[in-house]
């Protein structure tokens, strides 16, 4: 009713434009976003996708060959064949989904916007006003300050992305607490998750853990679950080879009686896989530490 009366009494009146926050017009005059290392990211991502497809395809082919030979020679009960191949199919599909989530999902990028840029610090206001007036920066290199700026509430202002980043906070659990084994995939609660500017990706991300040079993405709290899933699936593939190959090895040796080098190749694969497991036990890294923590929670033994 009020809107109809306004139109009847003031037919030529136009609605007032929404007012912009203070210094919002200066965002356009901030330094340009830094350029990402495009070639490095493409190389890392291409290597990552090739690694997942090649390792998954090789494991699937190896498993199918082992099961098919054993089935032909009746070395394995027919009911076992599907059970031996099912983990490979399920694990391969899950690994591909984790890989796609890491490559194309948002790791928590803090993008330049009115919400993330304002209020501008005094250094940023001075730079933007000078740029708006046409004054060239000193040395010809656009820079607001020599180091990031910190607010009283703990937030930090990245002088390269020109965005406010959240204050450090405790990392959250990767898995919901309702799950039975949620404690096994939990991030270290004693470590603070800090926002970070990745020089390779050329943007700030919230709750940063590290930039993975194999996957070509920033690993953060947002994509930690598919990252750990991909690592655990890789270890599971090695364990699968170590466990299944001895079961079907006699049939393989009999089937390839005239081709001893084939049986020798299977033995080498199993030896390498077993050696990899022993290496993980002796010197754990990111993948192995996650598995080791699982053993601590399950059986009270640290690998």
C-alpha atoms as a PDB file:
ATOM      1  CA  UNK A   1       0.000   0.000   0.000  1.00  0.00           C
ATOM      2  CA  UNK A   2       2.787   2.409   0.920  1.00  0.00           C
ATOM      3  CA  UNK A   3       4.590   1.636  -2.322  1.00  0.00           C
ATOM      4  CA  UNK A   4       1.394   2.328  -4.342  1.00  0.00           C
ATOM      5  CA  UNK A   5       0.872   5.678  -2.586  1.00  0.00           C
ATOM      6  CA  UNK A   6       4.489   6.632  -3.226  1.00  0.00           C
ATOM      7  CA  UNK A   7       4.103   5.920  -6.931  1.00  0.00           C
ATOM      8  CA  UNK A   8       0.785   7.840  -7.081  1.00  0.00           C
ATOM      9  CA  UNK A   9       2.091  10.914  -5.268  1.00  0.00           C
ATOM     10  CA  UNK A  10       5.632  10.899  -6.701  1.00  0.00           C
ATOM     11  CA  UNK A  11       5.417   9.283 -10.137  1.00  0.00           C
ATOM     12  CA  UNK A  12       8.855  10.485 -11.237  1.00  0.00           C
ATOM     13  CA  UNK A  13      10.660   9.458  -8.089  1.00  0.00           C
ATOM     14  CA  UNK A  14      13.321   6.784  -8.491  1.00  0.00           C
ATOM     15  CA  UNK A  15      14.391   4.476  -5.693  1.00  0.00           C
ATOM     16  CA  UNK A  16      17.603   5.509  -3.998  1.00  0.00           C
ATOM     17  CA  UNK A  17      20.629   3.454  -4.918  1.00  0.00           C
ATOM     18  CA  UNK A  18      21.988   1.337  -2.084  1.00  0.00           C
ATOM     19  CA  UNK A  19      24.879   3.061  -0.383  1.00  0.00           C
ATOM     20  CA  UNK A  20      28.250   1.349  -0.626  1.00  0.00           C
ATOM     21  CA  UNK A  21      30.357   0.745   2.465  1.00  0.00           C
ATOM     22  CA  UNK A  22      33.131   3.173   3.204  1.00  0.00           C
ATOM     23  CA  UNK A  23      36.152   2.858   0.869  1.00  0.00           C
ATOM     24  CA  UNK A  24      34.376   0.251  -1.262  1.00  0.00           C
ATOM     25  CA  UNK A  25      35.232   2.273  -4.374  1.00  0.00           C
ATOM     26  CA  UNK A  26      38.935   1.954  -3.544  1.00  0.00           C
ATOM     27  CA  UNK A  27      38.947  -1.830  -3.992  1.00  0.00           C
ATOM     28  CA  UNK A  28      39.251  -1.398  -7.761  1.00  0.00           C
ATOM     29  CA  UNK A  29      42.498   0.553  -7.242  1.00  0.00           C
ATOM     30  CA  UNK A  30      44.243  -2.033  -5.091  1.00  0.00           C
ATOM     31  CA  UNK A  31      47.288  -3.832  -6.532  1.00  0.00           C
ATOM     32  CA  UNK A  32      46.464  -6.530  -9.100  1.00  0.00           C
ATOM     33  CA  UNK A  33      46.237 -10.099  -7.914  1.00  0.00           C
ATOM     34  CA  UNK A  34      49.563 -11.951  -8.172  1.00  0.00           C
ATOM     35  CA  UNK A  35      49.976 -14.337 -11.082  1.00  0.00           C
ATOM     36  CA  UNK A  36      49.841 -18.048 -10.353  1.00  0.00           C
ATOM     37  CA  UNK A  37      52.526 -20.454 -11.511  1.00  0.00           C
ATOM     38  CA  UNK A  38      50.293 -21.889 -14.206  1.00  0.00           C
ATOM     39  CA  UNK A  39      52.831 -24.256 -15.715  1.00  0.00           C
ATOM     40  CA  UNK A  40      53.783 -25.663 -12.305  1.00  0.00           C
ATOM     41  CA  UNK A  41      50.146 -26.267 -11.390  1.00  0.00           C
ATOM     42  CA  UNK A  42      49.390 -27.928 -14.731  1.00  0.00           C
ATOM     43  CA  UNK A  43      52.435 -30.141 -14.424  1.00  0.00           C
ATOM     44  CA  UNK A  44      51.565 -31.170 -10.868  1.00  0.00           C
ATOM     45  CA  UNK A  45      47.908 -31.796 -11.652  1.00  0.00           C
ATOM     46  CA  UNK A  46      48.715 -33.735 -14.809  1.00  0.00           C
ATOM     47  CA  UNK A  47      51.159 -35.881 -12.871  1.00  0.00           C
ATOM     48  CA  UNK A  48      48.588 -36.427 -10.133  1.00  0.00           C
ATOM     49  CA  UNK A  49      45.823 -37.522 -12.497  1.00  0.00           C
ATOM     50  CA  UNK A  50      48.206 -39.727 -14.483  1.00  0.00           C
ATOM     51  CA  UNK A  51      49.464 -41.338 -11.287  1.00  0.00           C
ATOM     52  CA  UNK A  52      45.976 -42.152 -10.027  1.00  0.00           C
ATOM     53  CA  UNK A  53      44.786 -43.509 -13.384  1.00  0.00           C
ATOM     54  CA  UNK A  54      47.977 -45.483 -14.048  1.00  0.00           C
ATOM     55  CA  UNK A  55      48.235 -47.013 -10.583  1.00  0.00           C
ATOM     56  CA  UNK A  56      44.519 -47.768 -10.427  1.00  0.00           C
ATOM     57  CA  UNK A  57      44.486 -49.267 -13.912  1.00  0.00           C
ATOM     58  CA  UNK A  58      47.594 -51.347 -13.236  1.00  0.00           C
ATOM     59  CA  UNK A  59      46.170 -52.692 -10.002  1.00  0.00           C
ATOM     60  CA  UNK A  60      42.860 -53.510 -11.687  1.00  0.00           C
ATOM     61  CA  UNK A  61      44.595 -55.307 -14.564  1.00  0.00           C
ATOM     62  CA  UNK A  62      46.846 -57.200 -12.166  1.00  0.00           C
ATOM     63  CA  UNK A  63      43.927 -58.239  -9.982  1.00  0.00           C
ATOM     64  CA  UNK A  64      41.851 -59.362 -12.970  1.00  0.00           C
ATOM     65  CA  UNK A  65      44.753 -61.390 -14.360  1.00  0.00           C
ATOM     66  CA  UNK A  66      45.415 -63.067 -11.038  1.00  0.00           C
ATOM     67  CA  UNK A  67      41.781 -63.936 -10.430  1.00  0.00           C
ATOM     68  CA  UNK A  68      41.154 -65.050 -14.023  1.00  0.00           C
ATOM     69  CA  UNK A  69      44.153 -67.391 -14.052  1.00  0.00           C
ATOM     70  CA  UNK A  70      43.190 -68.829 -10.677  1.00  0.00           C
ATOM     71  CA  UNK A  71      39.616 -69.361 -11.868  1.00  0.00           C
ATOM     72  CA  UNK A  72      40.761 -71.166 -15.017  1.00  0.00           C
ATOM     73  CA  UNK A  73      42.877 -73.567 -12.972  1.00  0.00           C
ATOM     74  CA  UNK A  74      40.278 -73.907 -10.198  1.00  0.00           C
ATOM     75  CA  UNK A  75      42.896 -72.721  -7.722  1.00  0.00           C
ATOM     76  CA  UNK A  76      40.412 -70.331  -6.158  1.00  0.00           C
ATOM     77  CA  UNK A  77      36.740 -71.143  -5.452  1.00  0.00           C
ATOM     78  CA  UNK A  78      34.433 -69.408  -7.952  1.00  0.00           C
ATOM     79  CA  UNK A  79      32.673 -67.599  -5.126  1.00  0.00           C
ATOM     80  CA  UNK A  80      35.967 -65.896  -4.238  1.00  0.00           C
ATOM     81  CA  UNK A  81      36.486 -64.319  -7.647  1.00  0.00           C
ATOM     82  CA  UNK A  82      33.918 -61.584  -7.211  1.00  0.00           C
ATOM     83  CA  UNK A  83      35.085 -60.928  -3.663  1.00  0.00           C
ATOM     84  CA  UNK A  84      38.687 -60.490  -4.810  1.00  0.00           C
ATOM     85  CA  UNK A  85      37.773 -58.064  -7.596  1.00  0.00           C
ATOM     86  CA  UNK A  86      35.150 -56.025  -5.731  1.00  0.00           C
ATOM     87  CA  UNK A  87      37.643 -54.157  -3.486  1.00  0.00           C
ATOM     88  CA  UNK A  88      39.621 -53.077  -6.553  1.00  0.00           C
ATOM     89  CA  UNK A  89      36.538 -51.703  -8.314  1.00  0.00           C
ATOM     90  CA  UNK A  90      35.213 -49.910  -5.235  1.00  0.00           C
ATOM     91  CA  UNK A  91      38.623 -48.574  -4.246  1.00  0.00           C
ATOM     92  CA  UNK A  92      39.375 -47.366  -7.767  1.00  0.00           C
ATOM     93  CA  UNK A  93      36.078 -45.496  -8.017  1.00  0.00           C
ATOM     94  CA  UNK A  94      36.582 -43.937  -4.584  1.00  0.00           C
ATOM     95  CA  UNK A  95      40.136 -42.870  -5.457  1.00  0.00           C
ATOM     96  CA  UNK A  96      38.932 -41.228  -8.657  1.00  0.00           C
ATOM     97  CA  UNK A  97      36.213 -39.338  -6.774  1.00  0.00           C
ATOM     98  CA  UNK A  98      38.742 -38.129  -4.198  1.00  0.00           C
ATOM     99  CA  UNK A  99      41.080 -37.025  -6.978  1.00  0.00           C
ATOM    100  CA  UNK A 100      38.343 -35.081  -8.780  1.00  0.00           C
ATOM    101  CA  UNK A 101      37.274 -33.405  -5.532  1.00  0.00           C
ATOM    102  CA  UNK A 102      40.853 -32.299  -4.881  1.00  0.00           C
ATOM    103  CA  UNK A 103      41.437 -31.052  -8.422  1.00  0.00           C
ATOM    104  CA  UNK A 104      38.161 -29.224  -8.993  1.00  0.00           C
ATOM    105  CA  UNK A 105      36.804 -28.531  -5.496  1.00  0.00           C
ATOM    106  CA  UNK A 106      37.247 -25.278  -3.599  1.00  0.00           C
ATOM    107  CA  UNK A 107      39.968 -25.618  -0.926  1.00  0.00           C
ATOM    108  CA  UNK A 108      38.715 -22.505   0.853  1.00  0.00           C
ATOM    109  CA  UNK A 109      40.065 -19.682  -1.310  1.00  0.00           C
ATOM    110  CA  UNK A 110      39.566 -16.212   0.194  1.00  0.00           C
ATOM    111  CA  UNK A 111      38.575 -14.193  -2.855  1.00  0.00           C
ATOM    112  CA  UNK A 112      38.785 -10.433  -3.199  1.00  0.00           C
ATOM    113  CA  UNK A 113      35.345  -8.978  -2.477  1.00  0.00           C
ATOM    114  CA  UNK A 114      33.696  -6.212  -0.488  1.00  0.00           C
ATOM    115  CA  UNK A 115      33.128  -8.580   2.420  1.00  0.00           C
ATOM    116  CA  UNK A 116      36.720  -9.844   2.484  1.00  0.00           C
ATOM    117  CA  UNK A 117      38.514  -6.552   1.737  1.00  0.00           C
ATOM    118  CA  UNK A 118      36.736  -4.071   4.013  1.00  0.00           C
ATOM    119  CA  UNK A 119      37.527  -2.322   6.210  1.00  0.00           C
ATOM    120  CA  UNK A 120      40.717  -1.401   4.391  1.00  0.00           C
ATOM    121  CA  UNK A 121      43.772  -0.778   6.578  1.00  0.00           C
ATOM    122  CA  UNK A 122      45.329   2.682   6.516  1.00  0.00           C
ATOM    123  CA  UNK A 123      48.192   1.449   4.317  1.00  0.00           C
ATOM    124  CA  UNK A 124      45.758   0.039   1.761  1.00  0.00           C
ATOM    125  CA  UNK A 125      43.679   3.226   1.762  1.00  0.00           C
ATOM    126  CA  UNK A 126      46.781   5.337   1.173  1.00  0.00           C
ATOM    127  CA  UNK A 127      47.902   3.112  -1.698  1.00  0.00           C
ATOM    128  CA  UNK A 128      44.456   3.003  -3.343  1.00  0.00           C
ATOM    129  CA  UNK A 129      43.959   6.759  -3.058  1.00  0.00           C
ATOM    130  CA  UNK A 130      47.375   7.368  -4.607  1.00  0.00           C
ATOM    131  CA  UNK A 131      46.599   4.922  -7.417  1.00  0.00           C
ATOM    132  CA  UNK A 132      43.217   6.578  -7.933  1.00  0.00           C
ATOM    133  CA  UNK A 133      44.992   9.926  -8.280  1.00  0.00           C
ATOM    134  CA  UNK A 134      47.400   8.466 -10.834  1.00  0.00           C
ATOM    135  CA  UNK A 135      50.487   8.439  -8.595  1.00  0.00           C
ATOM    136  CA  UNK A 136      52.883   5.640  -9.509  1.00  0.00           C
ATOM    137  CA  UNK A 137      54.057   3.382  -6.655  1.00  0.00           C
ATOM    138  CA  UNK A 138      57.607   3.679  -5.431  1.00  0.00           C
ATOM    139  CA  UNK A 139      60.038   1.644  -7.482  1.00  0.00           C
ATOM    140  CA  UNK A 140      57.302   0.855  -9.989  1.00  0.00           C
ATOM    141  CA  UNK A 141      56.290  -2.262  -8.038  1.00  0.00           C
ATOM    142  CA  UNK A 142      52.779  -2.233  -6.554  1.00  0.00           C
ATOM    143  CA  UNK A 143      52.942  -3.078  -2.864  1.00  0.00           C
ATOM    144  CA  UNK A 144      50.925  -1.922   0.122  1.00  0.00           C
ATOM    145  CA  UNK A 145      53.417  -2.896   2.816  1.00  0.00           C
ATOM    146  CA  UNK A 146      56.499  -5.031   3.295  1.00  0.00           C
ATOM    147  CA  UNK A 147      54.666  -7.557   5.485  1.00  0.00           C
ATOM    148  CA  UNK A 148      51.127  -8.659   6.215  1.00  0.00           C
ATOM    149  CA  UNK A 149      49.081  -6.518   8.595  1.00  0.00           C
ATOM    150  CA  UNK A 150      47.485  -7.889  11.757  1.00  0.00           C
ATOM    151  CA  UNK A 151      44.313  -6.606  13.412  1.00  0.00           C
ATOM    152  CA  UNK A 152      43.591  -6.547  17.131  1.00  0.00           C
ATOM    153  CA  UNK A 153      41.171  -9.475  16.806  1.00  0.00           C
ATOM    154  CA  UNK A 154      43.856 -11.729  15.337  1.00  0.00           C
ATOM    155  CA  UNK A 155      42.855 -11.433  11.693  1.00  0.00           C
ATOM    156  CA  UNK A 156      45.588 -10.749   9.158  1.00  0.00           C
ATOM    157  CA  UNK A 157      45.450  -8.659   5.993  1.00  0.00           C
ATOM    158  CA  UNK A 158      47.376 -10.178   3.087  1.00  0.00           C
ATOM    159  CA  UNK A 159      49.211  -7.393   1.258  1.00  0.00           C
ATOM    160  CA  UNK A 160      49.300  -9.449  -1.951  1.00  0.00           C
ATOM    161  CA  UNK A 161      45.673 -10.577  -2.184  1.00  0.00           C
ATOM    162  CA  UNK A 162      44.409  -7.540  -0.204  1.00  0.00           C
ATOM    163  CA  UNK A 163      41.913  -9.622   1.761  1.00  0.00           C
ATOM    164  CA  UNK A 164      41.281 -10.162   5.447  1.00  0.00           C
ATOM    165  CA  UNK A 165      42.057 -13.685   6.591  1.00  0.00           C
ATOM    166  CA  UNK A 166      40.466 -15.398   9.612  1.00  0.00           C
ATOM    167  CA  UNK A 167      42.321 -15.535  12.893  1.00  0.00           C
ATOM    168  CA  UNK A 168      44.131 -18.791  13.714  1.00  0.00           C
ATOM    169  CA  UNK A 169      41.847 -21.388  15.260  1.00  0.00           C
ATOM    170  CA  UNK A 170      41.963 -25.007  16.249  1.00  0.00           C
ATOM    171  CA  UNK A 171      41.536 -27.447  13.403  1.00  0.00           C
ATOM    172  CA  UNK A 172      38.222 -29.248  13.342  1.00  0.00           C
ATOM    173  CA  UNK A 173      37.802 -32.991  13.108  1.00  0.00           C
ATOM    174  CA  UNK A 174      37.758 -34.228   9.530  1.00  0.00           C
ATOM    175  CA  UNK A 175      35.052 -36.798  10.220  1.00  0.00           C
ATOM    176  CA  UNK A 176      31.790 -36.154  12.088  1.00  0.00           C
ATOM    177  CA  UNK A 177      31.921 -37.159  15.736  1.00  0.00           C
ATOM    178  CA  UNK A 178      28.903 -39.410  15.231  1.00  0.00           C
ATOM    179  CA  UNK A 179      30.916 -41.911  13.176  1.00  0.00           C
ATOM    180  CA  UNK A 180      32.214 -44.949  15.116  1.00  0.00           C
ATOM    181  CA  UNK A 181      35.881 -44.432  14.169  1.00  0.00           C
ATOM    182  CA  UNK A 182      35.839 -40.651  13.853  1.00  0.00           C
ATOM    183  CA  UNK A 183      38.943 -40.315  16.003  1.00  0.00           C
ATOM    184  CA  UNK A 184      41.029 -42.135  13.395  1.00  0.00           C
ATOM    185  CA  UNK A 185      40.681 -39.421  10.745  1.00  0.00           C
ATOM    186  CA  UNK A 186      40.940 -36.440  13.056  1.00  0.00           C
ATOM    187  CA  UNK A 187      43.385 -33.639  12.387  1.00  0.00           C
ATOM    188  CA  UNK A 188      45.859 -32.780  15.126  1.00  0.00           C
ATOM    189  CA  UNK A 189      43.802 -30.681  17.545  1.00  0.00           C
ATOM    190  CA  UNK A 190      46.904 -29.166  19.109  1.00  0.00           C
ATOM    191  CA  UNK A 191      47.927 -27.444  15.878  1.00  0.00           C
ATOM    192  CA  UNK A 192      46.389 -24.154  14.859  1.00  0.00           C
ATOM    193  CA  UNK A 193      44.975 -23.753  11.386  1.00  0.00           C
ATOM    194  CA  UNK A 194      46.312 -20.519   9.925  1.00  0.00           C
ATOM    195  CA  UNK A 195      45.369 -18.831   6.704  1.00  0.00           C
ATOM    196  CA  UNK A 196      48.200 -18.739   4.225  1.00  0.00           C
ATOM    197  CA  UNK A 197      49.085 -17.196   0.873  1.00  0.00           C
ATOM    198  CA  UNK A 198      50.205 -19.945  -1.496  1.00  0.00           C
ATOM    199  CA  UNK A 199      52.866 -18.672  -3.871  1.00  0.00           C
ATOM    200  CA  UNK A 200      52.148 -21.433  -6.405  1.00  0.00           C
ATOM    201  CA  UNK A 201      48.367 -20.967  -6.543  1.00  0.00           C
ATOM    202  CA  UNK A 202      48.698 -17.185  -5.924  1.00  0.00           C
ATOM    203  CA  UNK A 203      45.787 -16.859  -3.537  1.00  0.00           C
ATOM    204  CA  UNK A 204      45.021 -17.016   0.169  1.00  0.00           C
ATOM    205  CA  UNK A 205      43.292 -20.044   1.626  1.00  0.00           C
ATOM    206  CA  UNK A 206      41.712 -20.466   5.044  1.00  0.00           C
ATOM    207  CA  UNK A 207      42.863 -23.185   7.448  1.00  0.00           C
ATOM    208  CA  UNK A 208      45.894 -24.059   5.343  1.00  0.00           C
ATOM    209  CA  UNK A 209      47.872 -27.269   5.932  1.00  0.00           C
ATOM    210  CA  UNK A 210      50.289 -27.451   2.992  1.00  0.00           C
ATOM    211  CA  UNK A 211      50.557 -27.210  -0.789  1.00  0.00           C
ATOM    212  CA  UNK A 212      50.809 -30.704  -2.218  1.00  0.00           C
ATOM    213  CA  UNK A 213      53.381 -30.767  -5.000  1.00  0.00           C
ATOM    214  CA  UNK A 214      52.061 -34.114  -6.240  1.00  0.00           C
ATOM    215  CA  UNK A 215      48.398 -33.150  -6.487  1.00  0.00           C
ATOM    216  CA  UNK A 216      48.986 -29.509  -7.401  1.00  0.00           C
ATOM    217  CA  UNK A 217      46.445 -28.179  -4.882  1.00  0.00           C
ATOM    218  CA  UNK A 218      46.433 -26.551  -1.467  1.00  0.00           C
ATOM    219  CA  UNK A 219      45.461 -29.002   1.260  1.00  0.00           C
ATOM    220  CA  UNK A 220      43.224 -27.339   3.825  1.00  0.00           C
ATOM    221  CA  UNK A 221      40.557 -28.270   6.314  1.00  0.00           C
ATOM    222  CA  UNK A 222      37.999 -28.075   3.491  1.00  0.00           C
ATOM    223  CA  UNK A 223      39.552 -30.877   1.413  1.00  0.00           C
ATOM    224  CA  UNK A 224      41.452 -32.826   4.062  1.00  0.00           C
ATOM    225  CA  UNK A 225      38.985 -35.724   3.993  1.00  0.00           C
ATOM    226  CA  UNK A 226      39.410 -36.592   0.267  1.00  0.00           C
ATOM    227  CA  UNK A 227      43.168 -36.032   0.654  1.00  0.00           C
ATOM    228  CA  UNK A 228      43.430 -38.556   3.479  1.00  0.00           C
ATOM    229  CA  UNK A 229      41.055 -40.848   1.613  1.00  0.00           C
ATOM    230  CA  UNK A 230      43.289 -40.840  -1.442  1.00  0.00           C
ATOM    231  CA  UNK A 231      46.363 -41.584   0.656  1.00  0.00           C
ATOM    232  CA  UNK A 232      44.715 -44.407   2.575  1.00  0.00           C
ATOM    233  CA  UNK A 233      43.391 -45.947  -0.650  1.00  0.00           C
ATOM    234  CA  UNK A 234      46.922 -45.914  -2.049  1.00  0.00           C
ATOM    235  CA  UNK A 235      48.197 -47.807   0.981  1.00  0.00           C
ATOM    236  CA  UNK A 236      45.212 -50.165   0.764  1.00  0.00           C
ATOM    237  CA  UNK A 237      46.191 -51.007  -2.818  1.00  0.00           C
ATOM    238  CA  UNK A 238      49.646 -52.043  -1.674  1.00  0.00           C
ATOM    239  CA  UNK A 239      48.215 -54.118   1.175  1.00  0.00           C
ATOM    240  CA  UNK A 240      45.789 -55.762  -1.267  1.00  0.00           C
ATOM    241  CA  UNK A 241      48.679 -56.793  -3.502  1.00  0.00           C
ATOM    242  CA  UNK A 242      50.671 -58.193  -0.572  1.00  0.00           C
ATOM    243  CA  UNK A 243      47.699 -60.208   0.724  1.00  0.00           C
ATOM    244  CA  UNK A 244      46.117 -61.468  -2.509  1.00  0.00           C
ATOM    245  CA  UNK A 245      49.201 -62.289  -4.562  1.00  0.00           C
ATOM    246  CA  UNK A 246      50.408 -65.181  -2.338  1.00  0.00           C
ATOM    247  CA  UNK A 247      46.928 -66.741  -2.571  1.00  0.00           C
ATOM    248  CA  UNK A 248      46.965 -66.968  -6.350  1.00  0.00           C
ATOM    249  CA  UNK A 249      50.727 -67.208  -6.943  1.00  0.00           C
ATOM    250  CA  UNK A 250      50.828 -71.058  -7.177  1.00  0.00           C
ATOM    251  CA  UNK A 251      48.188 -71.007  -9.910  1.00  0.00           C
ATOM    252  CA  UNK A 252      50.027 -68.231 -11.751  1.00  0.00           C
ATOM    253  CA  UNK A 253      53.302 -70.172 -11.651  1.00  0.00           C
ATOM    254  CA  UNK A 254      51.514 -73.279 -12.976  1.00  0.00           C
ATOM    255  CA  UNK A 255      49.666 -71.345 -15.685  1.00  0.00           C
ATOM    256  CA  UNK A 256      52.836 -69.630 -16.905  1.00  0.00           C
ATOM    257  CA  UNK A 257      54.981 -72.750 -16.603  1.00  0.00           C
ATOM    258  CA  UNK A 258      56.811 -71.959 -19.819  1.00  0.00           C
ATOM    259  CA  UNK A 259      57.126 -68.263 -19.011  1.00  0.00           C
ATOM    260  CA  UNK A 260      59.013 -68.178 -15.751  1.00  0.00           C
ATOM    261  CA  UNK A 261      59.741 -64.469 -16.182  1.00  0.00           C
ATOM    262  CA  UNK A 262      56.038 -63.695 -15.753  1.00  0.00           C
ATOM    263  CA  UNK A 263      55.902 -65.470 -12.413  1.00  0.00           C
ATOM    264  CA  UNK A 264      59.163 -63.763 -11.477  1.00  0.00           C
ATOM    265  CA  UNK A 265      57.574 -60.420 -12.301  1.00  0.00           C
ATOM    266  CA  UNK A 266      54.688 -61.124  -9.941  1.00  0.00           C
ATOM    267  CA  UNK A 267      57.165 -62.041  -7.212  1.00  0.00           C
ATOM    268  CA  UNK A 268      59.050 -58.777  -7.759  1.00  0.00           C
ATOM    269  CA  UNK A 269      55.824 -56.786  -7.528  1.00  0.00           C
ATOM    270  CA  UNK A 270      54.941 -58.482  -4.266  1.00  0.00           C
ATOM    271  CA  UNK A 271      58.452 -57.958  -2.891  1.00  0.00           C
ATOM    272  CA  UNK A 272      58.375 -54.263  -3.777  1.00  0.00           C
ATOM    273  CA  UNK A 273      54.971 -53.834  -2.178  1.00  0.00           C
ATOM    274  CA  UNK A 274      56.101 -55.634   0.953  1.00  0.00           C
ATOM    275  CA  UNK A 275      59.270 -53.540   1.041  1.00  0.00           C
ATOM    276  CA  UNK A 276      57.188 -50.392   0.786  1.00  0.00           C
ATOM    277  CA  UNK A 277      55.174 -51.468   3.808  1.00  0.00           C
ATOM    278  CA  UNK A 278      58.333 -52.105   5.832  1.00  0.00           C
ATOM    279  CA  UNK A 279      59.676 -48.707   4.786  1.00  0.00           C
ATOM    280  CA  UNK A 280      56.458 -47.075   5.992  1.00  0.00           C
ATOM    281  CA  UNK A 281      56.792 -48.840   9.327  1.00  0.00           C
ATOM    282  CA  UNK A 282      60.409 -47.738   9.821  1.00  0.00           C
ATOM    283  CA  UNK A 283      60.011 -44.118   8.702  1.00  0.00           C
ATOM    284  CA  UNK A 284      56.434 -42.881   8.750  1.00  0.00           C
ATOM    285  CA  UNK A 285      55.348 -39.868   6.771  1.00  0.00           C
ATOM    286  CA  UNK A 286      51.992 -38.193   6.265  1.00  0.00           C
ATOM    287  CA  UNK A 287      50.257 -41.320   4.948  1.00  0.00           C
ATOM    288  CA  UNK A 288      51.898 -43.720   7.328  1.00  0.00           C
ATOM    289  CA  UNK A 289      51.344 -41.531  10.372  1.00  0.00           C
ATOM    290  CA  UNK A 290      47.610 -41.601   9.703  1.00  0.00           C
ATOM    291  CA  UNK A 291      47.686 -45.414   9.471  1.00  0.00           C
ATOM    292  CA  UNK A 292      49.894 -45.641  12.558  1.00  0.00           C
ATOM    293  CA  UNK A 293      47.478 -43.497  14.558  1.00  0.00           C
ATOM    294  CA  UNK A 294      44.695 -45.853  13.508  1.00  0.00           C
ATOM    295  CA  UNK A 295      46.630 -48.790  14.962  1.00  0.00           C
ATOM    296  CA  UNK A 296      47.116 -46.859  18.199  1.00  0.00           C
ATOM    297  CA  UNK A 297      43.372 -46.295  18.539  1.00  0.00           C
ATOM    298  CA  UNK A 298      42.402 -49.821  17.490  1.00  0.00           C
ATOM    299  CA  UNK A 299      44.919 -52.130  19.176  1.00  0.00           C
ATOM    300  CA  UNK A 300      47.054 -49.815  21.291  1.00  0.00           C
ATOM    301  CA  UNK A 301      50.236 -50.554  19.313  1.00  0.00           C
ATOM    302  CA  UNK A 302      52.218 -47.841  17.565  1.00  0.00           C
ATOM    303  CA  UNK A 303      53.878 -48.942  14.342  1.00  0.00           C
END
